[in-house]
Amino acid sequence: MSGSLRQDRGFPFWLFVIMAVVGGILFFYWGQSNTAATLYELGFDRYRAIEQLAGVPEWLFTAEEAALYDSAQAEAAAWADENPPVKGEYTTDTAGDWFGEAAHLTLEYEYYDRGTGKTVILLHGFEEADAPILWAPWWWEQGYGVLIPTLRGYQEPGETNMTPTTYGVYEEFDIYDLIRALGLTEETVLIHAKGNAAAGALLLAANESLAAAGVDGIIAESVYSDLATLERTLVKKLFKLGDYFVGRLLRSRISNRLGFRADSVDIAAAAAANGGVPVLFIASEQEVFPGAAETATVYDACAARKEMLILTGSYRALGLTSGEEYRAAILDFFGD
């Protein structure tokens, strides 16, 4: 009888198995969720990603690139000293009005007014926030005023403006607000943009509701084809993980926090809907993330007048390492 009592008080093995299975599932879910949160910060909370990206080779300059970049920065700074800009602010009201999750921001810009009725808006990609000024002296020589705005996610950190970049989704509306704030809708306006900002410019060109911006041409360097593919590539490349679990959690986080679905952001489809704004597509054959093939996909879909230029120079400093070909292509495509 005493042996029977000891057996009744023993911990049931089946219950231990269930607890182990449930614990394993919860631990797995926690790990996948934590990875998705980290990916979200890397991908969207740009101001949190600087240190994490410092060890990723694709985001680092080679010694040659760094030397070229520093030299070009010095030349651009000297030019800016001789041609001081008008500094002002613009508000991102349109995205906030259309999407409840999009913050109404007050962002800064620098405008080097040439007085010619022609302006180029210089926009950087995910990295190199100080890169647009490198192009300013050259565009100035071509007779264009130069407008360099701060984009969402790149303003100085603070309690009220720590907002994410959105891979062109909200930037599309911000570019529209910027053009209207400067009163440039009746002037010739080109957008020279890279990566995420180029995606925003292409989305703007396809949006008939924002046609009042009056954009006359786009130079789109290294643009991605759709956000879902970019997200899957990020999951696979940085974390060597499959897309099903962590990818689904990441897409859920994007939707909940930003108000749009990653698989609804299709830049190639936007290019196909652009019937009137000419686009010069430029990419580097050395580009591995997201890859020159992504830019080519958008080019193939584009319905407007277009050209595609694939250069051999560095992806990170393409305007410097293949500058002569790059500039010649712009002049050939947009020349009078």
Protein backbone atom coordinates (compact mmCIF):
# COMPACT_ATOMS: atom_id res chain seq x y z
CA MET A 1 0.00 0.00 0.00
CA SER A 2 2.82 2.37 0.84
CA GLY A 3 4.39 1.57 -2.57
CA SER A 4 1.08 2.41 -4.25
CA LEU A 5 1.01 5.80 -2.49
CA ARG A 6 4.55 6.60 -3.64
CA GLN A 7 3.56 5.79 -7.21
CA ASP A 8 0.51 8.09 -7.03
CA ARG A 9 2.64 10.99 -5.77
CA GLY A 10 5.24 10.66 -8.57
CA PHE A 11 5.44 13.33 -11.28
CA PRO A 12 3.61 12.01 -14.36
CA PHE A 13 6.03 11.53 -17.24
CA TRP A 14 3.42 12.60 -19.81
CA LEU A 15 3.00 15.93 -18.03
CA PHE A 16 6.77 16.45 -18.07
CA VAL A 17 6.79 15.79 -21.83
CA ILE A 18 3.97 18.29 -22.41
CA MET A 19 5.73 20.95 -20.34
CA ALA A 20 8.99 20.37 -22.22
CA VAL A 21 7.25 20.62 -25.58
CA VAL A 22 5.35 23.79 -24.59
CA GLY A 23 8.51 25.29 -23.12
CA GLY A 24 10.43 24.50 -26.28
CA ILE A 25 7.74 26.08 -28.45
CA LEU A 26 7.67 29.20 -26.28
CA PHE A 27 11.47 29.43 -26.32
CA PHE A 28 11.49 29.02 -30.10
CA TYR A 29 8.80 31.68 -30.49
CA TRP A 30 10.70 34.03 -28.18
CA GLY A 31 13.85 33.56 -30.21
CA GLN A 32 12.08 34.16 -33.52
CA SER A 33 10.23 37.17 -32.11
CA ASN A 34 13.44 38.66 -30.73
CA THR A 35 15.16 38.16 -34.09
CA ALA A 36 12.22 39.85 -35.86
CA ALA A 37 12.47 42.79 -33.44
CA THR A 38 16.20 43.11 -34.16
CA LEU A 39 15.55 42.95 -37.90
CA TYR A 40 12.92 45.65 -37.57
CA GLU A 41 15.41 47.92 -35.83
CA LEU A 42 18.06 47.20 -38.46
CA GLY A 43 15.62 47.82 -41.27
CA PHE A 44 13.42 50.66 -40.07
CA ASP A 45 14.71 52.29 -36.87
CA ARG A 46 17.72 53.64 -38.74
CA TYR A 47 19.00 55.71 -35.84
CA ARG A 48 19.43 52.52 -33.78
CA ALA A 49 21.24 50.59 -36.47
CA ILE A 50 24.50 52.50 -36.88
CA GLU A 51 26.55 50.45 -34.42
CA GLN A 52 25.00 47.15 -35.49
CA LEU A 53 25.81 47.81 -39.15
CA ALA A 54 29.42 48.76 -38.42
CA GLY A 55 30.47 45.12 -38.73
CA VAL A 56 28.56 44.31 -41.92
CA PRO A 57 31.01 44.35 -44.88
CA GLU A 58 28.45 45.66 -47.40
CA TRP A 59 28.08 48.87 -45.37
CA LEU A 60 31.79 49.60 -44.99
CA PHE A 61 34.00 51.69 -47.25
CA THR A 62 37.17 50.20 -48.64
CA ALA A 63 40.30 52.30 -48.16
CA GLU A 64 40.05 53.53 -51.76
CA GLU A 65 36.39 54.46 -51.38
CA ALA A 66 37.02 56.26 -48.10
CA ALA A 67 39.80 58.34 -49.65
CA LEU A 68 37.62 59.31 -52.63
CA TYR A 69 34.70 60.08 -50.36
CA ASP A 70 36.73 62.29 -47.99
CA SER A 71 38.21 64.22 -50.92
CA ALA A 72 34.80 64.78 -52.48
CA GLN A 73 33.37 65.87 -49.14
CA ALA A 74 36.11 68.47 -48.75
CA GLU A 75 35.47 69.83 -52.25
CA ALA A 76 31.72 69.97 -51.65
CA ALA A 77 32.22 71.74 -48.31
CA ALA A 78 34.39 74.38 -49.99
CA TRP A 79 31.73 74.87 -52.67
CA ALA A 80 29.00 75.21 -50.02
CA ASP A 81 31.04 77.87 -48.22
CA GLU A 82 31.12 79.89 -51.44
CA ASN A 83 27.42 79.30 -52.12
CA PRO A 84 25.66 79.37 -48.75
CA PRO A 85 22.18 77.83 -48.83
CA VAL A 86 18.84 79.06 -47.63
CA LYS A 87 17.91 76.89 -44.67
CA GLY A 88 14.30 76.16 -43.82
CA GLU A 89 11.79 73.58 -42.64
CA TYR A 90 9.01 71.57 -44.20
CA THR A 91 6.25 69.54 -42.56
CA THR A 92 5.28 65.99 -43.50
CA ASP A 93 1.54 66.54 -43.25
CA THR A 94 0.35 64.53 -46.24
CA ALA A 95 1.59 61.15 -45.02
CA GLY A 96 0.16 61.92 -41.58
CA ASP A 97 -3.20 62.82 -43.12
CA TRP A 98 -3.34 59.70 -45.28
CA PHE A 99 -1.94 57.24 -42.72
CA GLY A 100 -2.66 57.51 -39.02
CA GLU A 101 0.61 55.78 -38.13
CA ALA A 102 2.73 58.33 -40.06
CA ALA A 103 3.99 61.06 -37.76
CA HIS A 104 3.55 64.73 -38.65
CA LEU A 105 7.18 65.87 -38.64
CA THR A 106 9.00 69.14 -39.09
CA LEU A 107 12.17 68.44 -41.07
CA GLU A 108 14.95 70.69 -42.30
CA TYR A 109 16.26 71.42 -45.77
CA GLU A 110 19.08 73.34 -47.43
CA TYR A 111 18.32 75.06 -50.72
CA TYR A 112 21.04 76.36 -53.03
CA ASP A 113 18.91 78.51 -55.33
CA ARG A 114 20.40 78.98 -58.81
CA GLY A 115 17.63 81.27 -60.01
CA THR A 116 17.26 79.35 -63.27
CA GLY A 117 13.83 77.80 -62.74
CA LYS A 118 15.46 74.36 -62.52
CA THR A 119 16.04 72.42 -59.30
CA VAL A 120 17.39 68.97 -58.49
CA ILE A 121 16.41 67.30 -55.22
CA LEU A 122 19.28 65.18 -53.89
CA LEU A 123 18.23 62.26 -51.68
CA HIS A 124 20.44 59.67 -49.99
CA GLY A 125 19.88 55.96 -49.57
CA PHE A 126 19.68 53.91 -46.38
CA GLU A 127 23.27 54.77 -45.45
CA GLU A 128 25.51 57.76 -46.25
CA ALA A 129 23.13 60.45 -45.05
CA ASP A 130 25.77 63.09 -45.81
CA ALA A 131 26.36 61.90 -49.39
CA PRO A 132 23.97 64.15 -51.41
CA ILE A 133 26.15 67.25 -51.03
CA LEU A 134 28.81 65.46 -53.11
CA TRP A 135 26.63 65.96 -56.20
CA ALA A 136 25.75 69.60 -55.50
CA PRO A 137 28.72 71.31 -57.23
CA TRP A 138 28.22 69.30 -60.44
CA TRP A 139 24.49 69.97 -60.64
CA TRP A 140 25.19 73.64 -59.93
CA GLU A 141 27.51 73.70 -62.95
CA GLN A 142 24.68 72.30 -65.06
CA GLY A 143 22.51 75.28 -64.12
CA TYR A 144 20.36 73.61 -61.46
CA GLY A 145 19.51 74.82 -58.01
CA VAL A 146 20.15 72.12 -55.41
CA LEU A 147 17.69 71.10 -52.70
CA ILE A 148 18.89 68.74 -49.95
CA PRO A 149 16.28 67.79 -47.34
CA THR A 150 16.51 65.76 -44.17
CA LEU A 151 14.45 62.58 -44.58
CA ARG A 152 12.33 60.94 -41.91
CA GLY A 153 14.39 58.72 -39.66
CA TYR A 154 17.53 60.79 -40.19
CA GLN A 155 16.76 63.88 -38.14
CA GLU A 156 18.65 64.51 -34.92
CA PRO A 157 17.46 62.06 -32.23
CA GLY A 158 15.02 63.42 -29.71
CA GLU A 159 11.95 62.40 -27.78
CA THR A 160 9.52 63.63 -30.42
CA ASN A 161 11.24 62.75 -33.67
CA MET A 162 12.72 59.27 -33.33
CA THR A 163 10.76 58.07 -36.33
CA PRO A 164 11.61 55.17 -38.64
CA THR A 165 12.50 55.26 -42.29
CA THR A 166 9.82 53.53 -44.36
CA TYR A 167 11.61 52.45 -47.55
CA GLY A 168 9.92 55.11 -49.66
CA VAL A 169 6.35 54.50 -48.50
CA TYR A 170 5.91 57.68 -46.44
CA GLU A 171 8.89 59.40 -48.09
CA GLU A 172 6.80 59.52 -51.27
CA PHE A 173 4.45 61.97 -49.55
CA ASP A 174 7.30 63.82 -47.83
CA ILE A 175 8.91 64.62 -51.21
CA TYR A 176 5.54 65.94 -52.36
CA ASP A 177 5.28 68.16 -49.26
CA LEU A 178 8.84 69.40 -49.78
CA ILE A 179 8.23 70.45 -53.39
CA ARG A 180 5.07 72.30 -52.45
CA ALA A 181 6.69 73.95 -49.43
CA LEU A 182 9.39 75.46 -51.68
CA GLY A 183 6.89 76.51 -54.34
CA LEU A 184 8.62 74.45 -57.04
CA THR A 185 5.56 72.87 -58.65
CA GLU A 186 5.80 75.12 -61.73
CA GLU A 187 9.58 74.78 -62.13
CA THR A 188 11.62 72.00 -63.71
CA VAL A 189 12.27 69.51 -60.90
CA LEU A 190 14.51 66.46 -61.09
CA ILE A 191 14.98 63.96 -58.28
CA HIS A 192 18.40 62.32 -57.95
CA ALA A 193 17.99 59.57 -55.39
CA LYS A 194 19.43 56.30 -54.17
CA GLY A 195 17.91 53.19 -52.60
CA ASN A 196 14.93 53.86 -50.34
CA ALA A 197 14.60 57.46 -51.46
CA ALA A 198 14.63 56.39 -55.11
CA ALA A 199 11.77 54.04 -54.27
CA GLY A 200 9.88 56.99 -52.77
CA ALA A 201 10.46 59.06 -55.92
CA LEU A 202 9.13 56.25 -58.13
CA LEU A 203 6.09 55.80 -55.91
CA LEU A 204 5.42 59.55 -56.17
CA ALA A 205 5.70 59.47 -59.96
CA ALA A 206 3.05 56.74 -60.09
CA ASN A 207 0.60 58.41 -57.70
CA GLU A 208 -1.94 60.39 -59.73
CA SER A 209 -3.30 61.97 -56.55
CA LEU A 210 0.09 63.65 -56.02
CA ALA A 211 0.66 64.67 -59.63
CA ALA A 212 0.59 68.33 -58.55
CA ALA A 213 4.20 67.88 -57.40
CA GLY A 214 5.17 68.19 -61.06
CA VAL A 215 8.32 66.04 -61.05
CA ASP A 216 10.00 66.15 -64.46
CA GLY A 217 12.54 63.35 -64.17
CA ILE A 218 14.19 60.85 -61.82
CA ILE A 219 17.68 59.41 -61.51
CA ALA A 220 17.08 56.20 -59.55
CA GLU A 221 20.26 54.54 -58.27
CA SER A 222 20.15 51.03 -56.79
CA VAL A 223 16.43 50.74 -56.13
CA TYR A 224 14.75 47.60 -54.77
CA SER A 225 11.87 45.95 -56.64
CA ASP A 226 9.50 45.18 -53.77
CA LEU A 227 9.70 45.33 -49.99
CA ALA A 228 8.67 41.73 -49.39
CA THR A 229 11.64 40.46 -51.43
CA LEU A 230 13.96 42.91 -49.70
CA GLU A 231 12.72 41.73 -46.30
CA ARG A 232 13.24 38.07 -47.19
CA THR A 233 16.74 38.82 -48.46
CA LEU A 234 17.52 40.62 -45.20
CA VAL A 235 16.33 37.66 -43.13
CA LYS A 236 18.37 35.19 -45.14
CA LYS A 237 21.53 37.27 -45.53
CA LEU A 238 22.01 38.73 -42.05
CA PHE A 239 20.59 35.94 -39.93
CA LYS A 240 20.83 32.88 -42.20
CA LEU A 241 17.22 32.07 -41.36
CA GLY A 242 14.24 30.91 -43.33
CA ASP A 243 11.44 33.36 -43.95
CA TYR A 244 8.46 31.47 -42.63
CA PHE A 245 8.63 32.10 -38.88
CA VAL A 246 10.83 35.15 -38.35
CA GLY A 247 9.66 36.68 -41.63
CA ARG A 248 5.99 36.40 -40.66
CA LEU A 249 6.71 37.99 -37.29
CA LEU A 250 8.69 40.77 -38.95
CA ARG A 251 5.90 41.49 -41.42
CA SER A 252 3.42 41.56 -38.55
CA ARG A 253 5.60 44.05 -36.68
CA ILE A 254 5.87 46.27 -39.79
CA SER A 255 2.12 46.24 -40.26
CA ASN A 256 1.33 46.95 -36.60
CA ARG A 257 3.88 49.73 -36.16
CA LEU A 258 3.89 51.43 -39.55
CA GLY A 259 0.41 50.80 -40.87
CA PHE A 260 1.26 49.12 -44.17
CA ARG A 261 2.00 45.59 -45.29
CA ALA A 262 5.47 44.87 -46.63
CA ASP A 263 4.06 42.72 -49.41
CA SER A 264 1.96 45.67 -50.63
CA VAL A 265 5.01 47.87 -51.36
CA ASP A 266 5.85 47.04 -54.97
CA ILE A 267 8.20 49.50 -56.68
CA ALA A 268 8.19 47.60 -59.96
CA ALA A 269 4.39 47.89 -60.07
CA ALA A 270 4.68 51.61 -59.35
CA ALA A 271 7.15 51.99 -62.22
CA ALA A 272 4.68 50.21 -64.47
CA ALA A 273 2.04 52.78 -63.49
CA ASN A 274 4.35 55.71 -64.25
CA GLY A 275 3.42 56.83 -67.71
CA GLY A 276 4.94 60.27 -67.81
CA VAL A 277 8.05 60.85 -65.66
CA PRO A 278 11.30 59.80 -67.40
CA VAL A 279 13.61 57.62 -65.29
CA LEU A 280 17.32 56.93 -65.64
CA PHE A 281 18.13 53.75 -63.69
CA ILE A 282 21.71 53.27 -62.51
CA ALA A 283 23.27 50.35 -60.63
CA SER A 284 26.64 48.76 -59.98
CA GLU A 285 27.43 45.26 -61.14
CA GLN A 286 29.33 44.87 -57.84
CA GLU A 287 26.18 45.46 -55.83
CA VAL A 288 25.17 42.40 -53.83
CA PHE A 289 22.47 43.79 -51.52
CA PRO A 290 19.82 44.08 -52.73
CA GLY A 291 21.60 43.52 -56.06
CA ALA A 292 21.69 45.16 -59.49
CA ALA A 293 19.07 42.66 -60.68
CA GLU A 294 16.54 44.38 -58.42
CA THR A 295 17.09 47.70 -60.19
CA ALA A 296 16.86 45.92 -63.54
CA THR A 297 13.49 44.45 -62.52
CA VAL A 298 12.10 47.92 -61.86
CA TYR A 299 13.59 49.19 -65.12
CA ASP A 300 11.94 46.38 -67.09
CA ALA A 301 8.56 47.25 -65.57
CA CYS A 302 8.81 51.01 -66.07
CA ALA A 303 6.25 52.37 -68.55
CA ALA A 304 7.79 55.84 -68.92
CA ARG A 305 10.77 56.88 -71.05
CA LYS A 306 13.72 55.10 -69.49
CA GLU A 307 17.30 53.95 -69.72
CA MET A 308 19.32 51.48 -67.67
CA LEU A 309 23.02 51.91 -66.92
CA ILE A 310 25.01 49.21 -65.11
CA LEU A 311 28.47 50.41 -64.09
CA THR A 312 31.52 48.50 -62.92
CA GLY A 313 32.39 50.87 -60.07
CA SER A 314 31.80 50.49 -56.36
CA TYR A 315 28.23 50.30 -55.13
CA ARG A 316 29.02 52.36 -52.05
CA ALA A 317 30.69 55.18 -54.03
CA LEU A 318 29.42 54.71 -57.56
CA GLY A 319 29.32 58.42 -58.38
CA LEU A 320 33.02 58.61 -57.52
CA THR A 321 34.46 55.36 -58.88
CA SER A 322 32.46 55.55 -62.14
CA GLY A 323 31.77 59.26 -62.05
CA GLU A 324 32.58 60.09 -65.67
CA GLU A 325 30.20 57.48 -67.09
CA TYR A 326 27.60 58.29 -64.45
CA ARG A 327 27.56 62.02 -65.25
CA ALA A 328 27.65 61.47 -69.00
CA ALA A 329 24.57 59.23 -68.75
CA ILE A 330 22.67 61.94 -66.89
CA LEU A 331 23.56 64.57 -69.48
CA ASP A 332 22.64 62.26 -72.38
CA PHE A 333 19.29 61.33 -70.85
CA PHE A 334 18.17 64.76 -69.62
CA GLY A 335 20.05 66.95 -72.09
CA ASP A 336 18.08 69.53 -74.03
